[in-house]
C-alpha atoms as a PDB file:
ATOM      1  CA  MET A   1      32.959  68.632  11.187  1.00  0.00           C
ATOM      2  CA  ARG A   2      31.933  67.828   7.943  1.00  0.00           C
ATOM      3  CA  SER A   3      27.965  67.031   6.693  1.00  0.00           C
ATOM      4  CA  PRO A   4      27.282  63.686   5.568  1.00  0.00           C
ATOM      5  CA  ARG A   5      25.192  65.119   2.650  1.00  0.00           C
ATOM      6  CA  PRO A   6      27.280  64.241   0.191  1.00  0.00           C
ATOM      7  CA  LYS A   7      27.825  61.021   0.895  1.00  0.00           C
ATOM      8  CA  ALA A   8      24.444  60.189   0.680  1.00  0.00           C
ATOM      9  CA  MET A   9      23.545  61.826  -2.008  1.00  0.00           C
ATOM     10  CA  VAL A  10      26.201  59.774  -3.931  1.00  0.00           C
ATOM     11  CA  ILE A  11      24.433  56.223  -2.403  1.00  0.00           C
ATOM     12  CA  MET A  12      20.933  57.061  -3.185  1.00  0.00           C
ATOM     13  CA  ALA A  13      22.077  58.423  -7.415  1.00  0.00           C
ATOM     14  CA  LEU A  14      24.030  55.128  -7.297  1.00  0.00           C
ATOM     15  CA  ILE A  15      20.443  53.382  -6.381  1.00  0.00           C
ATOM     16  CA  SER A  16      18.774  55.252  -8.919  1.00  0.00           C
ATOM     17  CA  THR A  17      21.453  54.203 -11.553  1.00  0.00           C
ATOM     18  CA  VAL A  18      20.868  50.613 -10.413  1.00  0.00           C
ATOM     19  CA  ALA A  19      17.116  50.885 -10.551  1.00  0.00           C
ATOM     20  CA  PHE A  20      17.148  52.181 -13.767  1.00  0.00           C
ATOM     21  CA  LEU A  21      19.605  49.569 -15.345  1.00  0.00           C
ATOM     22  CA  CYS A  22      17.127  46.608 -14.138  1.00  0.00           C
ATOM     23  CA  LEU A  23      14.235  48.903 -15.954  1.00  0.00           C
ATOM     24  CA  LEU A  24      16.305  48.082 -19.190  1.00  0.00           C
ATOM     25  CA  GLY A  25      16.374  44.484 -18.286  1.00  0.00           C
ATOM     26  CA  ALA A  26      20.209  45.026 -17.247  1.00  0.00           C
ATOM     27  CA  CYS A  27      19.133  42.547 -13.453  1.00  0.00           C
ATOM     28  CA  GLU A  28      17.749  39.919 -15.303  1.00  0.00           C
ATOM     29  CA  PRO A  29      19.925  36.245 -15.447  1.00  0.00           C
ATOM     30  CA  ALA A  30      21.220  34.970 -18.621  1.00  0.00           C
ATOM     31  CA  GLU A  31      19.771  31.952 -18.316  1.00  0.00           C
ATOM     32  CA  SER A  32      16.756  30.261 -16.968  1.00  0.00           C
ATOM     33  CA  ASP A  33      16.920  27.785 -14.088  1.00  0.00           C
ATOM     34  CA  LYS A  34      14.466  26.308 -15.993  1.00  0.00           C
ATOM     35  CA  THR A  35      14.668  23.406 -19.023  1.00  0.00           C
ATOM     36  CA  ASP A  36      13.699  23.930 -22.072  1.00  0.00           C
ATOM     37  CA  ARG A  37      12.030  20.491 -22.729  1.00  0.00           C
ATOM     38  CA  VAL A  38      10.679  19.390 -26.183  1.00  0.00           C
ATOM     39  CA  PHE A  39       7.870  16.878 -25.992  1.00  0.00           C
ATOM     40  CA  ALA A  40       6.849  15.685 -29.738  1.00  0.00           C
ATOM     41  CA  GLU A  41       3.823  13.395 -30.462  1.00  0.00           C
ATOM     42  CA  PHE A  42       5.053   9.996 -32.403  1.00  0.00           C
ATOM     43  CA  ALA A  43       2.580   8.515 -35.048  1.00  0.00           C
ATOM     44  CA  ALA A  44       1.254   4.976 -33.952  1.00  0.00           C
ATOM     45  CA  GLN A  45      -0.500   2.095 -34.542  1.00  0.00           C
ATOM     46  CA  TRP A  46      -3.129   0.904 -32.256  1.00  0.00           C
ATOM     47  CA  VAL A  47      -4.422  -2.294 -31.992  1.00  0.00           C
ATOM     48  CA  PRO A  48      -7.178  -4.894 -29.672  1.00  0.00           C
ATOM     49  CA  ASP A  49      -4.926  -7.082 -27.709  1.00  0.00           C
ATOM     50  CA  ASP A  50      -7.749  -9.581 -27.977  1.00  0.00           C
ATOM     51  CA  GLY A  51      -8.706  -8.673 -24.120  1.00  0.00           C
ATOM     52  CA  CYS A  52      -8.832  -4.963 -22.471  1.00  0.00           C
ATOM     53  CA  HIS A  53      -6.425  -3.382 -23.533  1.00  0.00           C
ATOM     54  CA  TYR A  54      -5.379  -1.297 -27.093  1.00  0.00           C
ATOM     55  CA  VAL A  55      -1.090  -1.616 -27.178  1.00  0.00           C
ATOM     56  CA  ILE A  56       0.873  -0.360 -30.082  1.00  0.00           C
ATOM     57  CA  GLU A  57       1.429  -2.441 -33.353  1.00  0.00           C
ATOM     58  CA  SER A  58       4.107   0.138 -35.232  1.00  0.00           C
ATOM     59  CA  SER A  59       4.884   3.300 -34.493  1.00  0.00           C
ATOM     60  CA  ASP A  60       7.315   6.397 -35.567  1.00  0.00           C
ATOM     61  CA  ALA A  61       8.774   6.768 -32.657  1.00  0.00           C
ATOM     62  CA  ALA A  62      12.554   5.834 -33.986  1.00  0.00           C
ATOM     63  CA  THR A  63      12.338   8.606 -36.745  1.00  0.00           C
ATOM     64  CA  THR A  64      10.140  11.320 -34.652  1.00  0.00           C
ATOM     65  CA  PRO A  65      13.046  14.021 -33.199  1.00  0.00           C
ATOM     66  CA  ASP A  66      12.374  14.290 -29.771  1.00  0.00           C
ATOM     67  CA  ALA A  67       9.401  11.578 -29.922  1.00  0.00           C
ATOM     68  CA  CYS A  68       8.180  11.629 -26.339  1.00  0.00           C
ATOM     69  CA  TYR A  69       4.427  10.352 -26.625  1.00  0.00           C
ATOM     70  CA  PRO A  70       2.051   8.392 -29.043  1.00  0.00           C
ATOM     71  CA  SER A  71      -1.077   9.956 -31.131  1.00  0.00           C
ATOM     72  CA  LEU A  72      -4.501   8.024 -30.074  1.00  0.00           C
ATOM     73  CA  GLU A  73      -5.476   8.737 -33.447  1.00  0.00           C
ATOM     74  CA  GLY A  74      -7.309   5.120 -34.786  1.00  0.00           C
ATOM     75  CA  THR A  75      -8.759   4.816 -30.826  1.00  0.00           C
ATOM     76  CA  PRO A  76     -11.730   6.163 -29.147  1.00  0.00           C
ATOM     77  CA  PHE A  77      -9.386   8.587 -26.976  1.00  0.00           C
ATOM     78  CA  ALA A  78      -8.364  10.884 -29.910  1.00  0.00           C
ATOM     79  CA  GLY A  79      -7.880  14.634 -28.952  1.00  0.00           C
ATOM     80  CA  GLN A  80      -7.742  13.717 -25.359  1.00  0.00           C
ATOM     81  CA  MET A  81      -4.202  14.149 -25.319  1.00  0.00           C
ATOM     82  CA  VAL A  82      -4.121  11.608 -22.150  1.00  0.00           C
ATOM     83  CA  PHE A  83      -0.299  10.835 -22.703  1.00  0.00           C
ATOM     84  CA  GLU A  84       1.072  14.832 -23.742  1.00  0.00           C
ATOM     85  CA  LYS A  85      -0.715  15.406 -20.172  1.00  0.00           C
ATOM     86  CA  LEU A  86       1.424  12.775 -18.334  1.00  0.00           C
ATOM     87  CA  ALA A  87       4.485  13.682 -19.887  1.00  0.00           C
ATOM     88  CA  LYS A  88       3.917  17.758 -19.610  1.00  0.00           C
ATOM     89  CA  THR A  89       2.938  17.187 -15.754  1.00  0.00           C
ATOM     90  CA  TYR A  90       5.638  14.218 -14.261  1.00  0.00           C
ATOM     91  CA  ILE A  91       9.126  14.287 -17.067  1.00  0.00           C
ATOM     92  CA  GLY A  92      11.259  16.133 -15.004  1.00  0.00           C
ATOM     93  CA  THR A  93      13.823  16.775 -12.804  1.00  0.00           C
ATOM     94  CA  TYR A  94      12.843  15.923  -8.611  1.00  0.00           C
ATOM     95  CA  LEU A  95      14.564  15.579  -5.506  1.00  0.00           C
ATOM     96  CA  ASP A  96      14.612  12.951  -3.084  1.00  0.00           C
ATOM     97  CA  ASN A  97      14.863  13.150   0.871  1.00  0.00           C
ATOM     98  CA  ASP A  98      19.029  13.480   0.736  1.00  0.00           C
ATOM     99  CA  ASP A  99      18.561  16.008  -2.158  1.00  0.00           C
ATOM    100  CA  ARG A 100      19.781  13.696  -4.191  1.00  0.00           C
ATOM    101  CA  ARG A 101      18.874  14.139  -8.086  1.00  0.00           C
ATOM    102  CA  ILE A 102      16.393  12.312 -10.153  1.00  0.00           C
ATOM    103  CA  GLU A 103      15.509  12.550 -13.753  1.00  0.00           C
ATOM    104  CA  ILE A 104      12.152  10.956 -15.376  1.00  0.00           C
ATOM    105  CA  THR A 105      12.841  10.867 -19.343  1.00  0.00           C
ATOM    106  CA  CYS A 106      10.419  10.124 -21.941  1.00  0.00           C
ATOM    107  CA  ARG A 107      10.761   6.442 -23.090  1.00  0.00           C
ATOM    108  CA  PRO A 108       8.924   6.612 -26.577  1.00  0.00           C
ATOM    109  CA  GLY A 109      10.210   3.152 -28.150  1.00  0.00           C
ATOM    110  CA  GLY A 110       8.842   1.442 -25.139  1.00  0.00           C
ATOM    111  CA  ASP A 111       6.974  -2.294 -25.579  1.00  0.00           C
ATOM    112  CA  ASP A 112       4.519  -1.344 -22.797  1.00  0.00           C
ATOM    113  CA  TRP A 113       2.286   1.446 -23.984  1.00  0.00           C
ATOM    114  CA  VAL A 114      -1.272   0.473 -23.052  1.00  0.00           C
ATOM    115  CA  ALA A 115      -4.679   2.464 -23.676  1.00  0.00           C
ATOM    116  CA  PRO A 116      -7.742   0.708 -22.675  1.00  0.00           C
ATOM    117  CA  HIS A 117     -10.086  -1.239 -24.871  1.00  0.00           C
ATOM    118  CA  LYS A 118     -13.981  -1.849 -23.645  1.00  0.00           C
ATOM    119  CA  ILE A 119     -14.815  -5.237 -24.507  1.00  0.00           C
ATOM    120  CA  GLU A 120     -18.448  -5.605 -24.972  1.00  0.00           C
ATOM    121  CA  ILE A 121     -20.238  -8.044 -22.865  1.00  0.00           C
ATOM    122  CA  ASP A 122     -23.340 -10.115 -24.495  1.00  0.00           C
ATOM    123  CA  ASP A 123     -24.851 -10.524 -21.168  1.00  0.00           C
ATOM    124  CA  PRO A 124     -25.945  -7.650 -19.276  1.00  0.00           C
ATOM    125  CA  SER A 125     -25.983  -9.564 -15.963  1.00  0.00           C
ATOM    126  CA  LEU A 126     -22.113 -10.609 -16.234  1.00  0.00           C
ATOM    127  CA  ALA A 127     -20.059  -8.678 -14.556  1.00  0.00           C
ATOM    128  CA  ASP A 128     -16.791  -6.795 -16.591  1.00  0.00           C
ATOM    129  CA  PRO A 129     -13.771  -8.747 -16.070  1.00  0.00           C
ATOM    130  CA  CYS A 130     -11.249  -6.114 -17.178  1.00  0.00           C
ATOM    131  CA  THR A 131      -9.329  -3.288 -15.442  1.00  0.00           C
ATOM    132  CA  TYR A 132      -9.062  -0.493 -17.092  1.00  0.00           C
ATOM    133  CA  PHE A 133      -5.515   1.175 -16.995  1.00  0.00           C
ATOM    134  CA  TRP A 134      -3.330   3.434 -19.344  1.00  0.00           C
ATOM    135  CA  ARG A 135       0.486   2.522 -18.888  1.00  0.00           C
ATOM    136  CA  MET A 136       2.917   5.133 -20.286  1.00  0.00           C
ATOM    137  CA  PRO A 137       6.539   3.736 -20.342  1.00  0.00           C
ATOM    138  CA  VAL A 138       9.358   6.391 -19.270  1.00  0.00           C
ATOM    139  CA  TRP A 139      13.249   6.331 -18.162  1.00  0.00           C
ATOM    140  CA  LEU A 140      14.476   7.145 -14.894  1.00  0.00           C
ATOM    141  CA  GLU A 141      17.893   7.747 -14.094  1.00  0.00           C
ATOM    142  CA  ILE A 142      18.495   7.403 -10.345  1.00  0.00           C
ATOM    143  CA  GLY A 143      22.722   7.925  -9.457  1.00  0.00           C
ATOM    144  CA  ASP A 144      24.476   5.690 -11.577  1.00  0.00           C
ATOM    145  CA  ASP A 145      21.522   3.319 -12.568  1.00  0.00           C
ATOM    146  CA  ARG A 146      19.010   3.972 -15.449  1.00  0.00           C
ATOM    147  CA  VAL A 147      16.188   2.037 -15.352  1.00  0.00           C
ATOM    148  CA  LYS A 148      13.009   1.410 -16.667  1.00  0.00           C
ATOM    149  CA  GLY A 149       9.392   2.749 -14.993  1.00  0.00           C
ATOM    150  CA  SER A 150       6.171   3.677 -15.909  1.00  0.00           C
ATOM    151  CA  PHE A 151       3.049   5.671 -15.145  1.00  0.00           C
ATOM    152  CA  GLU A 152      -0.340   4.267 -14.744  1.00  0.00           C
ATOM    153  CA  ILE A 153      -3.905   5.342 -14.180  1.00  0.00           C
ATOM    154  CA  GLN A 154      -6.393   2.692 -13.207  1.00  0.00           C
ATOM    155  CA  VAL A 155      -9.941   4.208 -15.014  1.00  0.00           C
ATOM    156  CA  HIS A 156     -13.349   2.469 -14.588  1.00  0.00           C
ATOM    157  CA  PRO A 157     -15.220   2.644 -17.763  1.00  0.00           C
ATOM    158  CA  SER A 158     -16.850   6.239 -17.771  1.00  0.00           C
ATOM    159  CA  ASN A 159     -16.845   9.409 -20.447  1.00  0.00           C
ATOM    160  CA  GLU A 160     -14.414  10.848 -17.254  1.00  0.00           C
ATOM    161  CA  PRO A 161     -11.190  12.051 -18.951  1.00  0.00           C
ATOM    162  CA  PRO A 162      -8.141   9.721 -16.818  1.00  0.00           C
ATOM    163  CA  THR A 163      -6.421  13.180 -16.644  1.00  0.00           C
ATOM    164  CA  THR A 164      -9.180  14.599 -14.121  1.00  0.00           C
ATOM    165  CA  PRO A 165      -7.998  16.320 -11.097  1.00  0.00           C
ATOM    166  CA  GLY A 166      -8.359  13.788  -8.272  1.00  0.00           C
ATOM    167  CA  ASN A 167      -7.326  10.878  -9.987  1.00  0.00           C
ATOM    168  CA  ILE A 168      -4.527   8.857  -8.987  1.00  0.00           C
ATOM    169  CA  VAL A 169      -1.173   8.488 -11.016  1.00  0.00           C
ATOM    170  CA  LEU A 170       0.929   5.337 -10.087  1.00  0.00           C
ATOM    171  CA  LEU A 171       4.552   5.063 -10.842  1.00  0.00           C
ATOM    172  CA  SER A 172       6.442   2.046 -10.669  1.00  0.00           C
ATOM    173  CA  PHE A 173      10.071   0.336 -11.624  1.00  0.00           C
ATOM    174  CA  ASP A 174      12.636  -2.217 -10.166  1.00  0.00           C
ATOM    175  CA  VAL A 175      15.817  -1.255  -9.633  1.00  0.00           C
ATOM    176  CA  THR A 176      18.146  -4.599  -9.691  1.00  0.00           C
ATOM    177  CA  GLY A 177      15.661  -7.056  -8.439  1.00  0.00           C
ATOM    178  CA  GLN A 178      13.407  -4.516  -6.061  1.00  0.00           C
ATOM    179  CA  PHE A 179       9.921  -2.789  -6.572  1.00  0.00           C
ATOM    180  CA  HIS A 180       9.283   0.170  -5.905  1.00  0.00           C
ATOM    181  CA  ASP A 181       5.588   2.183  -6.293  1.00  0.00           C
ATOM    182  CA  ALA A 182       4.779   5.103  -5.312  1.00  0.00           C
ATOM    183  CA  SER A 183       1.431   7.748  -6.345  1.00  0.00           C
ATOM    184  CA  HIS A 184       0.603  11.281  -6.869  1.00  0.00           C
ATOM    185  CA  GLU A 185      -2.993  12.886  -7.229  1.00  0.00           C
ATOM    186  CA  PHE A 186      -3.539  14.321 -10.429  1.00  0.00           C
ATOM    187  CA  GLY A 187      -3.604  18.221 -10.475  1.00  0.00           C
ATOM    188  CA  GLU A 188      -1.951  18.434  -6.349  1.00  0.00           C
ATOM    189  CA  ASN A 189       0.556  20.162  -5.835  1.00  0.00           C
ATOM    190  CA  PRO A 190       3.674  20.465  -5.050  1.00  0.00           C
ATOM    191  CA  ILE A 191       4.197  17.203  -7.064  1.00  0.00           C
ATOM    192  CA  ALA A 192       5.836  15.015  -5.371  1.00  0.00           C
ATOM    193  CA  TRP A 193       5.678  10.985  -5.449  1.00  0.00           C
ATOM    194  CA  ARG A 194       4.615   9.613  -2.205  1.00  0.00           C
ATOM    195  CA  PHE A 195       6.147   5.767  -1.897  1.00  0.00           C
ATOM    196  CA  TRP A 196       4.336   2.767   0.249  1.00  0.00           C
ATOM    197  CA  HIS A 197       7.027   0.335  -1.118  1.00  0.00           C
ATOM    198  CA  PRO A 198       9.965  -0.315  -0.342  1.00  0.00           C
ATOM    199  CA  ASP A 199      10.353   2.570   2.150  1.00  0.00           C
ATOM    200  CA  PRO A 200       7.141   4.683   2.739  1.00  0.00           C
ATOM    201  CA  ASP A 201       8.865   7.424   3.961  1.00  0.00           C
ATOM    202  CA  GLU A 202      10.506   8.077   0.908  1.00  0.00           C
ATOM    203  CA  ARG A 203       9.762  11.233  -1.153  1.00  0.00           C
ATOM    204  CA  TRP A 204       9.796  12.822  -4.442  1.00  0.00           C
ATOM    205  CA  ILE A 205       9.542  16.572  -5.197  1.00  0.00           C
ATOM    206  CA  LYS A 206       9.159  17.615  -8.408  1.00  0.00           C
ATOM    207  CA  ILE A 207      11.764  21.017  -9.006  1.00  0.00           C
ATOM    208  CA  ASP A 208      11.691  21.575 -13.087  1.00  0.00           C
END
């Protein structure tokens, strides 16, 4: 009977060769599955709206390559990178309950950017009439629909950054007259939008 030893030696030699090639990087995929996203900051002029908010009066979004979020220079929040953190956390690709892909992308030219503007109250016995929040406009591509939406974080006047883990971020958008509302707890993984309207069972899980 022929000995199986030479065959085994050939197999071991092949395994060793493949392992060596992998060490040299030959087994690496040609391209990463992840999208190389670029989020550029654009200059913006923020002004109080005579109420509880700062809004953008003018910006360089249209002339800034890869523009995504505005600078907060000129506001009390310069250096906090609130919109940058929202963009890097939530802009991307999601799958819904039916494995349908949804894209959330930057909408730098949106006219509904908002930052909190704390008003001064002369009489300390009076309650603050404002509801303070941040709003970042985005695009949503859902099937054949491209719709406007926004992220929002409601905050109380304090020194706590709005993107502190545990704060609730809201996603809102309108598809053909039907409003959709979802939330995510900042810092929670995996990143998943949980809807409460119109379908409380709907979930979008971020994959990229």
